[in-house]
Amino acid sequence: MKDSEYKACIDGLGLLQGEEKKLQYAYARDITSSGWNGKPKKEVKAGLLVFTNDNMIFMQRESFWRGNYTQALRIPLEQIAGISYGGLVLKHIDILVGTSGTSQTHRFTIWKGCEEHTDRIDDAQLIAERIQNHLKIVREEKKLLAREAIAKGTLPPMIFCKYCGARNKADQSHYVNCGAVLT
């Protein structure tokens, strides 16, 4: 990834107010699209995987020949249900999003040669551990904020599940991710 491509990725993140970039890794994303004959075909799209204090964002290269990057994924951290890693030759991480029945796995393969814009890590296990640690910290912070708001006597418009840490609207009866009764 050239410096100009990296700058295009960062400029296109579209961070929300108060959102801060925490982790970033150069990855290639495996996607399935329809071929010219209607049959599914596998494509690999290179880009930058970014974790903020609120979202996971993947800035994806749209054309092999040009350095155009667009936001292909923007997923709230509370929707991430799990992270796994693997690969002997092509190291990858899999990020499970959603709940059972409606879940989707996103596979990201380490993009070799692009370490200058990341943490210079090419070990999928270490990256997965850093992401899991980041998710744990963010979820604990959000739980603390929700508890403080409840202790003050004001019910926040968004509350956080004490079981899975997911953000939920206060006017619903069950948490979206785990199905626990809203308390």
N, C-alpha and C. Protein backbone atom coordinates (compact mmCIF):
# COMPACT_ATOMS: atom_id res chain seq x y z
N MET A 1 0.86 -1.17 0.00
CA MET A 1 0.00 0.00 0.00
C MET A 1 0.90 1.23 0.00
N LYS A 2 0.70 2.06 -1.00
CA LYS A 2 1.48 3.29 -1.12
C LYS A 2 0.98 4.30 -0.09
N ASP A 3 1.83 5.30 0.21
CA ASP A 3 1.43 6.34 1.15
C ASP A 3 0.17 7.06 0.70
N SER A 4 0.03 7.28 -0.61
CA SER A 4 -1.15 7.98 -1.12
C SER A 4 -2.41 7.12 -0.93
N GLU A 5 -2.27 5.78 -1.08
CA GLU A 5 -3.40 4.89 -0.86
C GLU A 5 -3.78 4.86 0.61
N TYR A 6 -2.78 4.81 1.47
CA TYR A 6 -3.04 4.83 2.91
C TYR A 6 -3.78 6.11 3.30
N LYS A 7 -3.32 7.24 2.78
CA LYS A 7 -3.97 8.52 3.08
C LYS A 7 -5.42 8.52 2.58
N ALA A 8 -5.65 7.94 1.40
CA ALA A 8 -7.02 7.86 0.87
C ALA A 8 -7.90 7.01 1.78
N CYS A 9 -7.34 5.93 2.33
CA CYS A 9 -8.10 5.07 3.26
C CYS A 9 -8.46 5.85 4.52
N ILE A 10 -7.49 6.50 5.11
CA ILE A 10 -7.71 7.24 6.35
C ILE A 10 -8.69 8.39 6.13
N ASP A 11 -8.53 9.11 5.02
CA ASP A 11 -9.44 10.22 4.72
C ASP A 11 -10.88 9.74 4.48
N GLY A 12 -11.05 8.53 3.99
CA GLY A 12 -12.37 8.01 3.69
C GLY A 12 -13.04 7.26 4.83
N LEU A 13 -12.39 7.19 5.98
CA LEU A 13 -12.97 6.44 7.11
C LEU A 13 -14.31 6.98 7.56
N GLY A 14 -14.48 8.28 7.53
CA GLY A 14 -15.74 8.88 7.96
C GLY A 14 -16.01 8.66 9.44
N LEU A 15 -15.01 8.95 10.27
CA LEU A 15 -15.17 8.75 11.70
C LEU A 15 -16.25 9.66 12.26
N LEU A 16 -17.03 9.12 13.17
CA LEU A 16 -18.10 9.87 13.81
C LEU A 16 -17.52 10.73 14.93
N GLN A 17 -18.30 11.65 15.45
CA GLN A 17 -17.85 12.52 16.53
C GLN A 17 -17.46 11.65 17.74
N GLY A 18 -16.27 11.85 18.24
CA GLY A 18 -15.79 11.10 19.40
C GLY A 18 -15.18 9.75 19.04
N GLU A 19 -15.23 9.36 17.79
CA GLU A 19 -14.68 8.08 17.36
C GLU A 19 -13.18 8.24 17.08
N GLU A 20 -12.39 7.30 17.61
CA GLU A 20 -10.95 7.36 17.45
C GLU A 20 -10.42 6.05 16.89
N LYS A 21 -9.43 6.15 16.01
CA LYS A 21 -8.78 4.98 15.43
C LYS A 21 -7.91 4.34 16.50
N LYS A 22 -8.06 3.01 16.70
CA LYS A 22 -7.30 2.30 17.73
C LYS A 22 -6.33 1.27 17.15
N LEU A 23 -6.78 0.46 16.19
CA LEU A 23 -5.95 -0.56 15.55
C LEU A 23 -6.14 -0.48 14.05
N GLN A 24 -5.09 -0.82 13.29
CA GLN A 24 -5.22 -0.86 11.84
C GLN A 24 -4.26 -1.90 11.28
N TYR A 25 -4.76 -2.64 10.28
CA TYR A 25 -3.97 -3.70 9.65
C TYR A 25 -4.27 -3.74 8.16
N ALA A 26 -3.22 -3.94 7.36
CA ALA A 26 -3.39 -4.12 5.93
C ALA A 26 -3.81 -5.56 5.68
N TYR A 27 -4.97 -5.74 5.10
CA TYR A 27 -5.54 -7.06 4.87
C TYR A 27 -6.14 -7.14 3.48
N ALA A 28 -6.38 -8.35 3.06
CA ALA A 28 -7.16 -8.61 1.85
C ALA A 28 -8.40 -9.36 2.30
N ARG A 29 -9.55 -8.99 1.77
CA ARG A 29 -10.83 -9.57 2.17
C ARG A 29 -11.34 -10.51 1.09
N ASP A 30 -11.71 -11.72 1.50
CA ASP A 30 -12.30 -12.68 0.57
C ASP A 30 -13.78 -12.37 0.43
N ILE A 31 -14.23 -12.15 -0.81
CA ILE A 31 -15.65 -11.91 -1.07
C ILE A 31 -16.12 -12.82 -2.20
N THR A 32 -17.40 -13.09 -2.24
CA THR A 32 -18.00 -13.87 -3.31
C THR A 32 -18.98 -12.97 -4.06
N SER A 33 -18.81 -12.92 -5.36
CA SER A 33 -19.71 -12.11 -6.19
C SER A 33 -20.19 -12.96 -7.37
N SER A 34 -21.11 -12.42 -8.13
CA SER A 34 -21.63 -13.13 -9.30
C SER A 34 -20.72 -12.87 -10.49
N GLY A 35 -20.37 -13.94 -11.17
CA GLY A 35 -19.56 -13.82 -12.38
C GLY A 35 -20.43 -13.44 -13.57
N TRP A 36 -19.82 -13.28 -14.72
CA TRP A 36 -20.54 -12.89 -15.92
C TRP A 36 -21.57 -13.95 -16.34
N ASN A 37 -21.33 -15.22 -15.90
CA ASN A 37 -22.25 -16.30 -16.26
C ASN A 37 -23.27 -16.60 -15.16
N GLY A 38 -23.29 -15.77 -14.13
CA GLY A 38 -24.25 -15.94 -13.04
C GLY A 38 -23.78 -16.86 -11.93
N LYS A 39 -22.66 -17.53 -12.15
CA LYS A 39 -22.10 -18.42 -11.12
C LYS A 39 -21.28 -17.60 -10.13
N PRO A 40 -21.27 -18.03 -8.87
CA PRO A 40 -20.49 -17.28 -7.89
C PRO A 40 -18.99 -17.39 -8.18
N LYS A 41 -18.30 -16.27 -7.98
CA LYS A 41 -16.85 -16.28 -8.15
C LYS A 41 -16.22 -15.60 -6.93
N LYS A 42 -15.08 -16.13 -6.55
CA LYS A 42 -14.37 -15.61 -5.38
C LYS A 42 -13.42 -14.50 -5.83
N GLU A 43 -13.44 -13.41 -5.08
CA GLU A 43 -12.53 -12.30 -5.33
C GLU A 43 -11.80 -11.96 -4.05
N VAL A 44 -10.63 -11.40 -4.20
CA VAL A 44 -9.85 -10.94 -3.06
C VAL A 44 -9.65 -9.44 -3.24
N LYS A 45 -10.13 -8.69 -2.26
CA LYS A 45 -10.03 -7.23 -2.31
C LYS A 45 -9.10 -6.76 -1.20
N ALA A 46 -8.03 -6.08 -1.58
CA ALA A 46 -7.06 -5.57 -0.60
C ALA A 46 -7.60 -4.30 0.05
N GLY A 47 -7.11 -4.01 1.24
CA GLY A 47 -7.53 -2.80 1.92
C GLY A 47 -6.96 -2.65 3.30
N LEU A 48 -7.58 -1.77 4.06
CA LEU A 48 -7.13 -1.45 5.41
C LEU A 48 -8.26 -1.76 6.38
N LEU A 49 -7.99 -2.64 7.35
CA LEU A 49 -8.94 -3.00 8.39
C LEU A 49 -8.65 -2.13 9.60
N VAL A 50 -9.64 -1.35 10.02
CA VAL A 50 -9.45 -0.39 11.11
C VAL A 50 -10.46 -0.67 12.22
N PHE A 51 -9.98 -0.65 13.45
CA PHE A 51 -10.85 -0.77 14.61
C PHE A 51 -10.81 0.56 15.35
N THR A 52 -12.00 1.11 15.61
CA THR A 52 -12.10 2.35 16.38
C THR A 52 -12.69 2.00 17.75
N ASN A 53 -12.99 3.00 18.53
CA ASN A 53 -13.62 2.75 19.82
C ASN A 53 -15.10 2.38 19.67
N ASP A 54 -15.67 2.45 18.45
CA ASP A 54 -17.07 2.10 18.22
C ASP A 54 -17.30 1.09 17.10
N ASN A 55 -16.45 1.08 16.09
CA ASN A 55 -16.72 0.30 14.88
C ASN A 55 -15.51 -0.45 14.35
N MET A 56 -15.80 -1.46 13.53
CA MET A 56 -14.80 -2.10 12.69
C MET A 56 -15.08 -1.60 11.28
N ILE A 57 -14.07 -1.07 10.62
CA ILE A 57 -14.23 -0.49 9.29
C ILE A 57 -13.22 -1.15 8.36
N PHE A 58 -13.68 -1.54 7.17
CA PHE A 58 -12.75 -2.05 6.17
C PHE A 58 -12.81 -1.15 4.95
N MET A 59 -11.68 -0.50 4.66
CA MET A 59 -11.54 0.34 3.47
C MET A 59 -10.98 -0.55 2.36
N GLN A 60 -11.76 -0.77 1.31
CA GLN A 60 -11.46 -1.76 0.29
C GLN A 60 -11.03 -1.11 -1.03
N ARG A 61 -9.98 -1.66 -1.64
CA ARG A 61 -9.54 -1.18 -2.95
C ARG A 61 -10.55 -1.68 -3.98
N GLU A 62 -11.08 -0.76 -4.76
CA GLU A 62 -12.11 -1.12 -5.73
C GLU A 62 -11.54 -1.59 -7.06
N SER A 63 -10.39 -1.09 -7.42
CA SER A 63 -9.81 -1.45 -8.71
C SER A 63 -8.35 -1.84 -8.50
N PHE A 64 -7.94 -2.91 -9.16
CA PHE A 64 -6.55 -3.36 -9.04
C PHE A 64 -5.60 -2.33 -9.63
N TRP A 65 -6.03 -1.66 -10.68
CA TRP A 65 -5.14 -0.75 -11.41
C TRP A 65 -5.09 0.64 -10.80
N ARG A 66 -6.13 1.04 -10.11
CA ARG A 66 -6.15 2.38 -9.50
C ARG A 66 -6.26 2.22 -7.99
N GLY A 67 -5.79 3.21 -7.27
CA GLY A 67 -5.80 3.16 -5.81
C GLY A 67 -7.06 3.74 -5.20
N ASN A 68 -8.24 3.49 -5.79
CA ASN A 68 -9.49 3.98 -5.23
C ASN A 68 -9.93 3.07 -4.09
N TYR A 69 -10.20 3.65 -2.94
CA TYR A 69 -10.64 2.89 -1.78
C TYR A 69 -11.99 3.41 -1.32
N THR A 70 -12.89 2.48 -1.01
CA THR A 70 -14.20 2.85 -0.47
C THR A 70 -14.45 2.04 0.80
N GLN A 71 -15.37 2.53 1.59
CA GLN A 71 -15.73 1.84 2.82
C GLN A 71 -16.64 0.66 2.48
N ALA A 72 -16.10 -0.55 2.62
CA ALA A 72 -16.85 -1.75 2.27
C ALA A 72 -17.60 -2.31 3.47
N LEU A 73 -17.07 -2.13 4.65
CA LEU A 73 -17.71 -2.62 5.88
C LEU A 73 -17.62 -1.55 6.96
N ARG A 74 -18.69 -1.41 7.71
CA ARG A 74 -18.71 -0.59 8.93
C ARG A 74 -19.62 -1.33 9.88
N ILE A 75 -19.03 -2.00 10.86
CA ILE A 75 -19.78 -2.85 11.77
C ILE A 75 -19.55 -2.39 13.20
N PRO A 76 -20.62 -2.11 13.94
CA PRO A 76 -20.45 -1.74 15.36
C PRO A 76 -19.77 -2.88 16.12
N LEU A 77 -18.87 -2.53 17.01
CA LEU A 77 -18.09 -3.53 17.74
C LEU A 77 -18.97 -4.49 18.53
N GLU A 78 -20.12 -4.02 19.02
CA GLU A 78 -20.96 -4.90 19.82
C GLU A 78 -21.61 -6.00 18.99
N GLN A 79 -21.56 -5.89 17.67
CA GLN A 79 -22.11 -6.94 16.81
C GLN A 79 -21.09 -8.04 16.50
N ILE A 80 -19.84 -7.83 16.90
CA ILE A 80 -18.81 -8.84 16.67
C ILE A 80 -18.96 -9.92 17.72
N ALA A 81 -19.25 -11.14 17.27
CA ALA A 81 -19.52 -12.25 18.19
C ALA A 81 -18.29 -13.11 18.44
N GLY A 82 -17.31 -13.08 17.56
CA GLY A 82 -16.14 -13.92 17.77
C GLY A 82 -15.06 -13.66 16.75
N ILE A 83 -13.83 -14.06 17.14
CA ILE A 83 -12.67 -13.90 16.27
C ILE A 83 -11.87 -15.19 16.33
N SER A 84 -11.49 -15.69 15.16
CA SER A 84 -10.61 -16.85 15.10
C SER A 84 -9.51 -16.56 14.08
N TYR A 85 -8.49 -17.39 14.09
CA TYR A 85 -7.37 -17.19 13.18
C TYR A 85 -6.90 -18.55 12.68
N GLY A 86 -6.11 -18.53 11.61
CA GLY A 86 -5.59 -19.78 11.08
C GLY A 86 -4.73 -19.54 9.87
N GLY A 87 -4.41 -20.63 9.20
CA GLY A 87 -3.61 -20.56 7.99
C GLY A 87 -2.15 -20.91 8.22
N LEU A 88 -1.66 -21.82 7.42
CA LEU A 88 -0.24 -22.15 7.50
C LEU A 88 0.58 -21.26 6.57
N VAL A 89 0.12 -21.14 5.33
CA VAL A 89 0.83 -20.32 4.36
C VAL A 89 0.22 -18.92 4.31
N LEU A 90 -1.09 -18.86 4.10
CA LEU A 90 -1.79 -17.58 4.08
C LEU A 90 -2.46 -17.37 5.43
N LYS A 91 -1.85 -16.58 6.27
CA LYS A 91 -2.39 -16.31 7.60
C LYS A 91 -3.64 -15.45 7.46
N HIS A 92 -4.68 -15.79 8.24
CA HIS A 92 -5.94 -15.05 8.15
C HIS A 92 -6.61 -14.98 9.51
N ILE A 93 -7.54 -14.04 9.61
CA ILE A 93 -8.43 -13.99 10.76
C ILE A 93 -9.85 -14.02 10.22
N ASP A 94 -10.74 -14.65 10.98
CA ASP A 94 -12.16 -14.69 10.66
C ASP A 94 -12.89 -13.92 11.75
N ILE A 95 -13.74 -13.01 11.35
CA ILE A 95 -14.52 -12.22 12.29
C ILE A 95 -15.98 -12.58 12.10
N LEU A 96 -16.58 -13.14 13.15
CA LEU A 96 -17.98 -13.55 13.15
C LEU A 96 -18.83 -12.38 13.63
N VAL A 97 -19.80 -12.01 12.81
CA VAL A 97 -20.66 -10.87 13.11
C VAL A 97 -22.09 -11.36 13.23
N GLY A 98 -22.81 -10.92 14.27
CA GLY A 98 -24.21 -11.26 14.44
C GLY A 98 -24.41 -12.38 15.43
N THR A 99 -25.62 -12.92 15.42
CA THR A 99 -25.98 -13.99 16.34
C THR A 99 -26.19 -15.28 15.56
N SER A 100 -26.32 -16.38 16.27
CA SER A 100 -26.53 -17.65 15.58
C SER A 100 -27.81 -17.57 14.76
N GLY A 101 -27.76 -18.10 13.57
CA GLY A 101 -28.90 -18.03 12.66
C GLY A 101 -28.81 -16.86 11.71
N THR A 102 -28.29 -15.74 12.17
CA THR A 102 -28.15 -14.56 11.33
C THR A 102 -26.70 -14.07 11.30
N SER A 103 -25.78 -14.97 11.56
CA SER A 103 -24.38 -14.56 11.62
C SER A 103 -23.72 -14.64 10.24
N GLN A 104 -22.63 -13.90 10.11
CA GLN A 104 -21.86 -13.87 8.89
C GLN A 104 -20.38 -13.80 9.27
N THR A 105 -19.56 -14.56 8.56
CA THR A 105 -18.12 -14.55 8.82
C THR A 105 -17.41 -13.77 7.73
N HIS A 106 -16.53 -12.87 8.17
CA HIS A 106 -15.71 -12.09 7.25
C HIS A 106 -14.27 -12.59 7.41
N ARG A 107 -13.67 -13.05 6.30
CA ARG A 107 -12.29 -13.54 6.35
C ARG A 107 -11.35 -12.48 5.79
N PHE A 108 -10.28 -12.23 6.54
CA PHE A 108 -9.26 -11.27 6.15
C PHE A 108 -7.91 -11.97 6.15
N THR A 109 -7.19 -11.87 5.03
CA THR A 109 -5.87 -12.47 4.87
C THR A 109 -4.83 -11.37 4.96
N ILE A 110 -3.77 -11.64 5.70
CA ILE A 110 -2.72 -10.63 5.87
C ILE A 110 -2.14 -10.25 4.51
N TRP A 111 -2.06 -8.96 4.27
CA TRP A 111 -1.55 -8.42 3.02
C TRP A 111 -0.05 -8.19 3.19
N LYS A 112 0.74 -9.11 2.69
CA LYS A 112 2.20 -9.03 2.84
C LYS A 112 2.75 -7.81 2.10
N GLY A 113 3.78 -7.23 2.66
CA GLY A 113 4.44 -6.11 2.03
C GLY A 113 3.81 -4.77 2.36
N CYS A 114 2.82 -4.74 3.24
CA CYS A 114 2.15 -3.48 3.57
C CYS A 114 2.27 -3.15 5.04
N GLU A 115 3.31 -3.65 5.66
CA GLU A 115 3.45 -3.48 7.10
C GLU A 115 3.77 -2.04 7.53
N GLU A 116 4.22 -1.19 6.60
CA GLU A 116 4.62 0.16 7.00
C GLU A 116 3.45 0.98 7.53
N HIS A 117 2.21 0.62 7.19
CA HIS A 117 1.06 1.39 7.65
C HIS A 117 0.28 0.66 8.74
N THR A 118 0.87 -0.38 9.30
CA THR A 118 0.20 -1.13 10.36
C THR A 118 1.16 -1.27 11.53
N ASP A 119 0.87 -2.21 12.41
CA ASP A 119 1.72 -2.44 13.58
C ASP A 119 2.91 -3.33 13.26
N ARG A 120 3.19 -3.57 11.97
CA ARG A 120 4.29 -4.42 11.51
C ARG A 120 4.17 -5.85 12.06
N ILE A 121 2.95 -6.33 12.09
CA ILE A 121 2.71 -7.68 12.61
C ILE A 121 2.20 -8.55 11.46
N ASP A 122 2.75 -9.74 11.34
CA ASP A 122 2.22 -10.67 10.34
C ASP A 122 1.81 -11.98 10.98
N ASP A 123 1.57 -11.96 12.28
CA ASP A 123 1.15 -13.15 13.01
C ASP A 123 -0.35 -13.05 13.29
N ALA A 124 -1.12 -13.91 12.64
CA ALA A 124 -2.58 -13.84 12.77
C ALA A 124 -3.03 -14.04 14.21
N GLN A 125 -2.36 -14.90 14.96
CA GLN A 125 -2.73 -15.13 16.35
C GLN A 125 -2.55 -13.87 17.19
N LEU A 126 -1.44 -13.18 17.02
CA LEU A 126 -1.19 -11.95 17.77
C LEU A 126 -2.20 -10.86 17.41
N ILE A 127 -2.51 -10.75 16.12
CA ILE A 127 -3.49 -9.76 15.69
C ILE A 127 -4.87 -10.07 16.28
N ALA A 128 -5.27 -11.34 16.23
CA ALA A 128 -6.56 -11.74 16.80
C ALA A 128 -6.61 -11.44 18.30
N GLU A 129 -5.52 -11.69 19.01
CA GLU A 129 -5.47 -11.40 20.44
C GLU A 129 -5.58 -9.90 20.71
N ARG A 130 -4.92 -9.10 19.90
CA ARG A 130 -5.02 -7.63 20.07
C ARG A 130 -6.45 -7.14 19.82
N ILE A 131 -7.09 -7.70 18.80
CA ILE A 131 -8.47 -7.30 18.50
C ILE A 131 -9.39 -7.73 19.64
N GLN A 132 -9.24 -8.96 20.13
CA GLN A 132 -10.07 -9.44 21.24
C GLN A 132 -9.87 -8.59 22.49
N ASN A 133 -8.63 -8.21 22.76
CA ASN A 133 -8.34 -7.35 23.91
C ASN A 133 -9.00 -5.98 23.73
N HIS A 134 -8.93 -5.45 22.53
CA HIS A 134 -9.57 -4.16 22.25
C HIS A 134 -11.08 -4.25 22.46
N LEU A 135 -11.70 -5.32 21.95
CA LEU A 135 -13.15 -5.51 22.13
C LEU A 135 -13.50 -5.58 23.61
N LYS A 136 -12.71 -6.29 24.39
CA LYS A 136 -12.96 -6.41 25.82
C LYS A 136 -12.90 -5.06 26.52
N ILE A 137 -11.89 -4.27 26.20
CA ILE A 137 -11.73 -2.94 26.81
C ILE A 137 -12.91 -2.04 26.45
N VAL A 138 -13.29 -2.02 25.18
CA VAL A 138 -14.39 -1.16 24.72
C VAL A 138 -15.70 -1.56 25.39
N ARG A 139 -15.95 -2.87 25.48
CA ARG A 139 -17.20 -3.33 26.10
C ARG A 139 -17.24 -3.00 27.58
N GLU A 140 -16.13 -3.11 28.27
CA GLU A 140 -16.09 -2.76 29.69
C GLU A 140 -16.35 -1.26 29.89
N GLU A 141 -15.76 -0.42 29.04
CA GLU A 141 -15.99 1.02 29.12
C GLU A 141 -17.47 1.36 28.92
N LYS A 142 -18.09 0.71 27.95
CA LYS A 142 -19.51 0.99 27.66
C LYS A 142 -20.41 0.51 28.79
N LYS A 143 -20.07 -0.62 29.38
CA LYS A 143 -20.84 -1.11 30.53
C LYS A 143 -20.74 -0.13 31.70
N LEU A 144 -19.53 0.37 31.93
CA LEU A 144 -19.31 1.32 33.02
C LEU A 144 -20.13 2.59 32.81
N LEU A 145 -20.12 3.11 31.58
CA LEU A 145 -20.91 4.31 31.28
C LEU A 145 -22.40 4.07 31.51
N ALA A 146 -22.89 2.91 31.11
CA ALA A 146 -24.31 2.59 31.30
C ALA A 146 -24.65 2.48 32.77
N ARG A 147 -23.78 1.84 33.54
CA ARG A 147 -24.02 1.71 34.99
C ARG A 147 -24.03 3.07 35.67
N GLU A 148 -23.12 3.95 35.27
CA GLU A 148 -23.09 5.30 35.85
C GLU A 148 -24.37 6.06 35.54
N ALA A 149 -24.88 5.93 34.32
CA ALA A 149 -26.11 6.62 33.94
C ALA A 149 -27.30 6.08 34.72
N ILE A 150 -27.35 4.78 34.91
CA ILE A 150 -28.44 4.17 35.68
C ILE A 150 -28.35 4.60 37.14
N ALA A 151 -27.14 4.67 37.69
CA ALA A 151 -26.95 5.07 39.08
C ALA A 151 -27.39 6.52 39.30
N LYS A 152 -27.24 7.36 38.29
CA LYS A 152 -27.66 8.76 38.39
C LYS A 152 -29.18 8.89 38.29
N GLY A 153 -29.85 7.81 37.94
CA GLY A 153 -31.31 7.85 37.84
C GLY A 153 -31.82 8.18 36.46
N THR A 154 -30.95 8.31 35.52
CA THR A 154 -31.38 8.57 34.15
C THR A 154 -31.15 7.33 33.32
N LEU A 155 -32.21 6.87 32.71
CA LEU A 155 -32.09 5.69 31.86
C LEU A 155 -31.54 6.15 30.52
N PRO A 156 -30.39 5.64 30.12
CA PRO A 156 -29.81 6.10 28.86
C PRO A 156 -30.64 5.61 27.67
N PRO A 157 -30.62 6.35 26.58
CA PRO A 157 -31.36 5.91 25.41
C PRO A 157 -30.80 4.58 24.87
N MET A 158 -29.53 4.32 25.13
CA MET A 158 -28.91 3.05 24.76
C MET A 158 -28.34 2.43 26.03
N ILE A 159 -28.62 1.16 26.25
CA ILE A 159 -28.06 0.47 27.40
C ILE A 159 -27.28 -0.74 26.93
N PHE A 160 -26.46 -1.29 27.81
CA PHE A 160 -25.55 -2.35 27.43
C PHE A 160 -25.84 -3.61 28.23
N CYS A 161 -25.83 -4.74 27.54
CA CYS A 161 -26.13 -6.03 28.14
C CYS A 161 -25.03 -6.44 29.11
N LYS A 162 -25.41 -6.89 30.30
CA LYS A 162 -24.41 -7.32 31.27
C LYS A 162 -23.83 -8.68 30.92
N TYR A 163 -24.44 -9.39 29.96
CA TYR A 163 -23.96 -10.71 29.56
C TYR A 163 -23.02 -10.64 28.36
N CYS A 164 -23.45 -9.93 27.30
CA CYS A 164 -22.65 -9.92 26.08
C CYS A 164 -22.05 -8.55 25.77
N GLY A 165 -22.47 -7.50 26.48
CA GLY A 165 -21.92 -6.17 26.27
C GLY A 165 -22.51 -5.42 25.09
N ALA A 166 -23.50 -5.99 24.42
CA ALA A 166 -24.08 -5.36 23.23
C ALA A 166 -24.88 -4.11 23.59
N ARG A 167 -24.82 -3.13 22.70
CA ARG A 167 -25.59 -1.90 22.85
C ARG A 167 -27.01 -2.18 22.38
N ASN A 168 -28.00 -1.67 23.11
CA ASN A 168 -29.40 -1.93 22.80
C ASN A 168 -30.23 -0.69 23.12
N LYS A 169 -31.31 -0.48 22.38
CA LYS A 169 -32.22 0.61 22.70
C LYS A 169 -32.96 0.28 23.98
N ALA A 170 -33.15 1.28 24.81
CA ALA A 170 -33.77 1.07 26.12
C ALA A 170 -35.25 0.73 26.03
N ASP A 171 -35.89 1.00 24.89
CA ASP A 171 -37.32 0.73 24.78
C ASP A 171 -37.65 -0.66 24.24
N GLN A 172 -36.66 -1.53 24.08
CA GLN A 172 -36.90 -2.89 23.63
C GLN A 172 -37.02 -3.82 24.83
N SER A 173 -37.59 -5.00 24.62
CA SER A 173 -37.80 -5.92 25.73
C SER A 173 -36.68 -6.95 25.89
N HIS A 174 -35.92 -7.21 24.80
CA HIS A 174 -34.83 -8.19 24.86
C HIS A 174 -33.61 -7.61 24.16
N TYR A 175 -32.43 -8.06 24.59
CA TYR A 175 -31.19 -7.66 23.91
C TYR A 175 -31.11 -8.34 22.56
N VAL A 176 -30.63 -7.61 21.56
CA VAL A 176 -30.59 -8.10 20.19
C VAL A 176 -29.62 -9.27 20.04
N ASN A 177 -28.41 -9.17 20.60
CA ASN A 177 -27.39 -10.21 20.37
C ASN A 177 -27.67 -11.51 21.08
N CYS A 178 -27.91 -11.46 22.39
CA CYS A 178 -28.01 -12.71 23.16
C CYS A 178 -29.44 -13.09 23.54
N GLY A 179 -30.40 -12.18 23.37
CA GLY A 179 -31.79 -12.49 23.67
C GLY A 179 -32.17 -12.38 25.13
N ALA A 180 -31.26 -11.91 25.99
CA ALA A 180 -31.56 -11.78 27.42
C ALA A 180 -32.65 -10.71 27.62
N VAL A 181 -33.40 -10.86 28.68
CA VAL A 181 -34.46 -9.90 28.99
C VAL A 181 -33.83 -8.58 29.40
N LEU A 182 -34.32 -7.49 28.84
CA LEU A 182 -33.80 -6.16 29.12
C LEU A 182 -34.10 -5.80 30.57
N THR A 183 -33.06 -5.43 31.32
CA THR A 183 -33.23 -5.05 32.74
C THR A 183 -32.82 -3.64 32.98
